[in-house]
Amino acid sequence: ESLSCLEGKLADVECVLLHCEFNITDETLPNGENGTCSGYLSHGDECYPVCDVGYTLDGPIACNNSEVEWTECLANPCDISDLPVPAGADVSACPVLMGSGS
């Protein structure tokens, strides 16, 4: 609580942190769906959307005093360690994971 002064009189003031209202769409969270998110969060709360197959959630959606803190659905990399290796090929410098779009 804090105090305010009006015309020589002190009054108690209560600080109320605001909530967040939001919609998960292709524009706000590409490759994602609602999951545990209802579209309403109180200040300091978070929820976890669900990403489409082939994508991994980068973190929760959070509410900070009426500001939505969005997350992302990141494309999964490809594991190339099970690919057949041609005889005599040196693959020691090859990465085990290949980034999506590589």
N, C-alpha and C. Protein backbone atom coordinates (compact mmCIF):
# COMPACT_ATOMS: atom_id res chain seq x y z
N GLU A 1 0.83 -1.19 0.00
CA GLU A 1 0.00 0.00 0.00
C GLU A 1 0.87 1.24 0.00
N SER A 2 0.32 2.29 -0.54
CA SER A 2 0.99 3.58 -0.51
C SER A 2 -0.04 4.64 -0.10
N LEU A 3 0.42 5.85 0.13
CA LEU A 3 -0.46 6.93 0.56
C LEU A 3 -0.56 7.98 -0.52
N SER A 4 -1.67 8.71 -0.50
CA SER A 4 -1.81 9.86 -1.38
C SER A 4 -2.37 11.01 -0.54
N CYS A 5 -2.20 12.20 -1.05
CA CYS A 5 -2.69 13.38 -0.35
C CYS A 5 -3.66 14.12 -1.26
N LEU A 6 -4.84 14.41 -0.73
CA LEU A 6 -5.84 15.16 -1.48
C LEU A 6 -6.44 16.19 -0.55
N GLU A 7 -6.23 17.45 -0.88
CA GLU A 7 -6.78 18.57 -0.12
C GLU A 7 -6.42 18.49 1.36
N GLY A 8 -5.18 18.15 1.64
CA GLY A 8 -4.70 18.11 3.01
C GLY A 8 -5.05 16.85 3.78
N LYS A 9 -5.66 15.89 3.12
CA LYS A 9 -6.03 14.65 3.79
C LYS A 9 -5.29 13.48 3.14
N LEU A 10 -4.73 12.64 3.99
CA LEU A 10 -4.06 11.44 3.50
C LEU A 10 -5.09 10.35 3.24
N ALA A 11 -4.91 9.64 2.17
CA ALA A 11 -5.81 8.54 1.83
C ALA A 11 -4.98 7.33 1.47
N ASP A 12 -5.44 6.17 1.89
CA ASP A 12 -4.79 4.92 1.50
C ASP A 12 -5.08 4.62 0.04
N VAL A 13 -4.07 4.17 -0.63
CA VAL A 13 -4.22 3.79 -2.03
C VAL A 13 -3.72 2.36 -2.18
N GLU A 14 -4.47 1.57 -2.86
CA GLU A 14 -4.06 0.19 -3.09
C GLU A 14 -3.62 0.05 -4.54
N CYS A 15 -2.48 -0.54 -4.73
CA CYS A 15 -1.96 -0.78 -6.08
C CYS A 15 -2.48 -2.12 -6.56
N VAL A 16 -3.17 -2.12 -7.68
CA VAL A 16 -3.72 -3.35 -8.24
C VAL A 16 -3.02 -3.61 -9.57
N LEU A 17 -2.37 -4.74 -9.65
CA LEU A 17 -1.70 -5.11 -10.89
C LEU A 17 -2.73 -5.69 -11.86
N LEU A 18 -2.59 -5.32 -13.10
CA LEU A 18 -3.58 -5.67 -14.10
C LEU A 18 -3.36 -7.07 -14.67
N HIS A 19 -4.42 -7.65 -15.19
CA HIS A 19 -4.37 -8.97 -15.80
C HIS A 19 -4.10 -8.85 -17.30
N CYS A 20 -3.97 -9.98 -17.96
CA CYS A 20 -3.75 -10.03 -19.41
C CYS A 20 -4.87 -10.84 -20.06
N GLU A 21 -5.34 -10.35 -21.18
CA GLU A 21 -6.26 -11.10 -22.02
C GLU A 21 -5.61 -11.21 -23.39
N PHE A 22 -5.66 -12.41 -23.99
CA PHE A 22 -4.97 -12.62 -25.26
C PHE A 22 -5.63 -13.76 -26.03
N ASN A 23 -5.30 -13.84 -27.31
CA ASN A 23 -5.74 -14.92 -28.18
C ASN A 23 -4.53 -15.54 -28.84
N ILE A 24 -4.46 -16.85 -28.82
CA ILE A 24 -3.40 -17.54 -29.54
C ILE A 24 -3.88 -17.78 -30.96
N THR A 25 -3.18 -17.18 -31.91
CA THR A 25 -3.52 -17.32 -33.33
C THR A 25 -2.25 -17.67 -34.09
N ASP A 26 -2.37 -17.88 -35.40
CA ASP A 26 -1.18 -18.13 -36.23
C ASP A 26 -0.24 -16.93 -36.22
N GLU A 27 -0.78 -15.72 -35.98
CA GLU A 27 0.06 -14.53 -35.96
C GLU A 27 0.79 -14.38 -34.61
N THR A 28 0.11 -14.69 -33.50
CA THR A 28 0.72 -14.49 -32.19
C THR A 28 1.62 -15.65 -31.78
N LEU A 29 1.30 -16.88 -32.22
CA LEU A 29 2.12 -18.04 -31.90
C LEU A 29 2.07 -19.02 -33.07
N PRO A 30 2.85 -18.75 -34.12
CA PRO A 30 2.86 -19.68 -35.25
C PRO A 30 3.23 -21.10 -34.80
N ASN A 31 2.54 -22.08 -35.35
CA ASN A 31 2.79 -23.51 -35.06
C ASN A 31 2.45 -23.89 -33.63
N GLY A 32 1.52 -23.14 -32.99
CA GLY A 32 1.13 -23.44 -31.62
C GLY A 32 -0.37 -23.39 -31.42
N GLU A 33 -0.81 -23.99 -30.31
CA GLU A 33 -2.22 -24.02 -29.92
C GLU A 33 -2.35 -23.71 -28.43
N ASN A 34 -3.58 -23.59 -27.93
CA ASN A 34 -3.84 -23.15 -26.56
C ASN A 34 -3.14 -23.93 -25.46
N GLY A 35 -3.15 -25.24 -25.46
CA GLY A 35 -2.59 -26.00 -24.34
C GLY A 35 -3.31 -25.64 -23.05
N THR A 36 -2.58 -25.20 -22.02
CA THR A 36 -3.20 -24.82 -20.74
C THR A 36 -3.62 -23.35 -20.73
N CYS A 37 -3.51 -22.66 -21.84
CA CYS A 37 -3.81 -21.23 -21.90
C CYS A 37 -5.29 -20.99 -22.23
N SER A 38 -5.95 -20.23 -21.35
CA SER A 38 -7.37 -19.94 -21.54
C SER A 38 -7.60 -18.59 -22.22
N GLY A 39 -6.55 -17.80 -22.34
CA GLY A 39 -6.70 -16.45 -22.89
C GLY A 39 -6.79 -15.39 -21.82
N TYR A 40 -6.71 -15.79 -20.53
CA TYR A 40 -6.75 -14.87 -19.40
C TYR A 40 -5.70 -15.29 -18.39
N LEU A 41 -4.85 -14.34 -17.98
CA LEU A 41 -3.85 -14.60 -16.95
C LEU A 41 -3.84 -13.43 -15.97
N SER A 42 -3.72 -13.72 -14.69
CA SER A 42 -3.50 -12.68 -13.69
C SER A 42 -2.03 -12.29 -13.72
N HIS A 43 -1.74 -11.10 -13.20
CA HIS A 43 -0.35 -10.65 -13.14
C HIS A 43 0.52 -11.71 -12.46
N GLY A 44 1.63 -12.05 -13.07
CA GLY A 44 2.58 -13.01 -12.50
C GLY A 44 2.29 -14.45 -12.84
N ASP A 45 1.14 -14.72 -13.47
CA ASP A 45 0.81 -16.10 -13.85
C ASP A 45 1.37 -16.42 -15.22
N GLU A 46 1.43 -17.71 -15.51
CA GLU A 46 1.89 -18.17 -16.82
C GLU A 46 1.10 -19.40 -17.23
N CYS A 47 1.13 -19.68 -18.53
CA CYS A 47 0.48 -20.87 -19.06
C CYS A 47 1.36 -21.45 -20.16
N TYR A 48 1.04 -22.68 -20.53
CA TYR A 48 1.88 -23.39 -21.48
C TYR A 48 1.07 -23.81 -22.71
N PRO A 49 1.30 -23.13 -23.83
CA PRO A 49 0.67 -23.58 -25.07
C PRO A 49 1.30 -24.89 -25.54
N VAL A 50 0.73 -25.49 -26.56
CA VAL A 50 1.23 -26.73 -27.13
C VAL A 50 1.67 -26.43 -28.56
N CYS A 51 2.83 -26.94 -28.93
CA CYS A 51 3.34 -26.74 -30.28
C CYS A 51 2.94 -27.90 -31.19
N ASP A 52 2.84 -27.60 -32.48
CA ASP A 52 2.55 -28.62 -33.47
C ASP A 52 3.69 -29.64 -33.52
N VAL A 53 3.41 -30.80 -34.09
CA VAL A 53 4.42 -31.84 -34.28
C VAL A 53 5.58 -31.25 -35.08
N GLY A 54 6.80 -31.50 -34.62
CA GLY A 54 7.99 -30.98 -35.28
C GLY A 54 8.49 -29.67 -34.69
N TYR A 55 7.82 -29.19 -33.64
CA TYR A 55 8.20 -27.94 -32.98
C TYR A 55 8.28 -28.15 -31.48
N THR A 56 9.11 -27.36 -30.81
CA THR A 56 9.29 -27.45 -29.36
C THR A 56 9.04 -26.08 -28.75
N LEU A 57 8.30 -26.05 -27.63
CA LEU A 57 7.98 -24.81 -26.93
C LEU A 57 9.23 -24.23 -26.27
N ASP A 58 9.45 -22.92 -26.45
CA ASP A 58 10.63 -22.24 -25.90
C ASP A 58 10.41 -21.77 -24.46
N GLY A 59 9.18 -21.81 -23.96
CA GLY A 59 8.89 -21.36 -22.59
C GLY A 59 7.42 -21.05 -22.46
N PRO A 60 6.99 -20.57 -21.30
CA PRO A 60 5.57 -20.26 -21.10
C PRO A 60 5.18 -18.89 -21.66
N ILE A 61 3.88 -18.67 -21.76
CA ILE A 61 3.33 -17.33 -21.97
C ILE A 61 3.11 -16.78 -20.56
N ALA A 62 3.52 -15.54 -20.32
CA ALA A 62 3.41 -14.94 -18.99
C ALA A 62 2.70 -13.60 -19.05
N CYS A 63 2.19 -13.16 -17.90
CA CYS A 63 1.53 -11.86 -17.78
C CYS A 63 2.32 -11.00 -16.79
N ASN A 64 2.73 -9.82 -17.24
CA ASN A 64 3.47 -8.89 -16.40
C ASN A 64 2.76 -7.54 -16.44
N ASN A 65 1.88 -7.30 -15.44
CA ASN A 65 1.14 -6.05 -15.33
C ASN A 65 0.45 -5.66 -16.63
N SER A 66 -0.37 -6.54 -17.13
CA SER A 66 -1.20 -6.40 -18.34
C SER A 66 -0.43 -6.55 -19.64
N GLU A 67 0.85 -6.83 -19.60
CA GLU A 67 1.64 -7.06 -20.81
C GLU A 67 1.86 -8.55 -20.99
N VAL A 68 1.46 -9.08 -22.14
CA VAL A 68 1.67 -10.50 -22.44
C VAL A 68 3.11 -10.69 -22.88
N GLU A 69 3.79 -11.65 -22.25
CA GLU A 69 5.14 -12.02 -22.66
C GLU A 69 5.01 -13.32 -23.44
N TRP A 70 5.15 -13.21 -24.75
CA TRP A 70 4.93 -14.34 -25.66
C TRP A 70 6.12 -15.29 -25.67
N THR A 71 5.88 -16.48 -26.12
CA THR A 71 6.90 -17.49 -26.31
C THR A 71 6.93 -17.85 -27.79
N GLU A 72 7.71 -18.87 -28.14
CA GLU A 72 7.81 -19.32 -29.53
C GLU A 72 7.74 -20.83 -29.59
N CYS A 73 7.29 -21.33 -30.72
CA CYS A 73 7.40 -22.74 -31.06
C CYS A 73 8.55 -22.83 -32.06
N LEU A 74 9.65 -23.43 -31.62
CA LEU A 74 10.86 -23.51 -32.45
C LEU A 74 10.89 -24.82 -33.21
N ALA A 75 11.28 -24.75 -34.48
CA ALA A 75 11.37 -25.94 -35.31
C ALA A 75 12.44 -26.88 -34.76
N ASN A 76 12.11 -28.16 -34.67
CA ASN A 76 13.06 -29.15 -34.17
C ASN A 76 14.18 -29.39 -35.18
N PRO A 77 15.40 -29.64 -34.70
CA PRO A 77 16.48 -30.02 -35.60
C PRO A 77 16.32 -31.49 -36.02
N CYS A 78 17.10 -31.90 -37.00
CA CYS A 78 17.08 -33.29 -37.47
C CYS A 78 18.31 -34.02 -36.93
N ASP A 79 18.10 -35.24 -36.46
CA ASP A 79 19.19 -36.08 -35.98
C ASP A 79 19.71 -36.90 -37.16
N ILE A 80 20.94 -36.62 -37.57
CA ILE A 80 21.48 -37.31 -38.75
C ILE A 80 22.44 -38.44 -38.36
N SER A 81 22.51 -38.75 -37.07
CA SER A 81 23.46 -39.77 -36.61
C SER A 81 23.10 -41.17 -37.09
N ASP A 82 21.85 -41.41 -37.47
CA ASP A 82 21.44 -42.74 -37.93
C ASP A 82 21.53 -42.93 -39.44
N LEU A 83 21.98 -41.92 -40.15
CA LEU A 83 22.11 -42.05 -41.60
C LEU A 83 23.26 -42.99 -41.94
N PRO A 84 23.12 -43.76 -43.02
CA PRO A 84 24.23 -44.63 -43.42
C PRO A 84 25.43 -43.80 -43.88
N VAL A 85 26.61 -44.24 -43.51
CA VAL A 85 27.84 -43.54 -43.88
C VAL A 85 28.55 -44.35 -44.96
N PRO A 86 28.87 -43.71 -46.08
CA PRO A 86 29.59 -44.42 -47.14
C PRO A 86 30.93 -44.95 -46.65
N ALA A 87 31.33 -46.10 -47.16
CA ALA A 87 32.60 -46.72 -46.76
C ALA A 87 33.75 -45.75 -46.99
N GLY A 88 34.61 -45.62 -45.99
CA GLY A 88 35.79 -44.77 -46.09
C GLY A 88 35.52 -43.29 -45.85
N ALA A 89 34.28 -42.90 -45.59
CA ALA A 89 33.96 -41.48 -45.38
C ALA A 89 34.35 -41.08 -43.97
N ASP A 90 34.92 -39.89 -43.84
CA ASP A 90 35.26 -39.34 -42.53
C ASP A 90 34.15 -38.37 -42.13
N VAL A 91 33.36 -38.77 -41.15
CA VAL A 91 32.23 -37.93 -40.72
C VAL A 91 32.49 -37.31 -39.35
N SER A 92 33.73 -37.33 -38.90
CA SER A 92 34.05 -36.83 -37.56
C SER A 92 33.75 -35.33 -37.41
N ALA A 93 33.79 -34.58 -38.50
CA ALA A 93 33.53 -33.16 -38.43
C ALA A 93 32.06 -32.83 -38.69
N CYS A 94 31.26 -33.83 -38.95
CA CYS A 94 29.84 -33.60 -39.25
C CYS A 94 29.05 -33.41 -37.96
N PRO A 95 28.09 -32.50 -37.96
CA PRO A 95 27.25 -32.33 -36.77
C PRO A 95 26.28 -33.51 -36.63
N VAL A 96 25.89 -33.80 -35.39
CA VAL A 96 24.91 -34.85 -35.14
C VAL A 96 23.51 -34.32 -35.43
N LEU A 97 23.29 -33.03 -35.14
CA LEU A 97 22.00 -32.41 -35.39
C LEU A 97 22.12 -31.39 -36.51
N MET A 98 21.11 -31.35 -37.36
CA MET A 98 21.08 -30.39 -38.45
C MET A 98 19.88 -29.48 -38.20
N GLY A 99 20.11 -28.18 -38.14
CA GLY A 99 19.03 -27.24 -37.87
C GLY A 99 17.96 -27.27 -38.93
N SER A 100 16.74 -27.02 -38.51
CA SER A 100 15.62 -26.98 -39.43
C SER A 100 15.87 -25.92 -40.50
N GLY A 101 15.63 -26.25 -41.75
CA GLY A 101 15.86 -25.34 -42.86
C GLY A 101 17.27 -25.38 -43.40
N SER A 102 18.13 -26.23 -42.82
CA SER A 102 19.53 -26.34 -43.29
C SER A 102 19.61 -27.19 -44.52
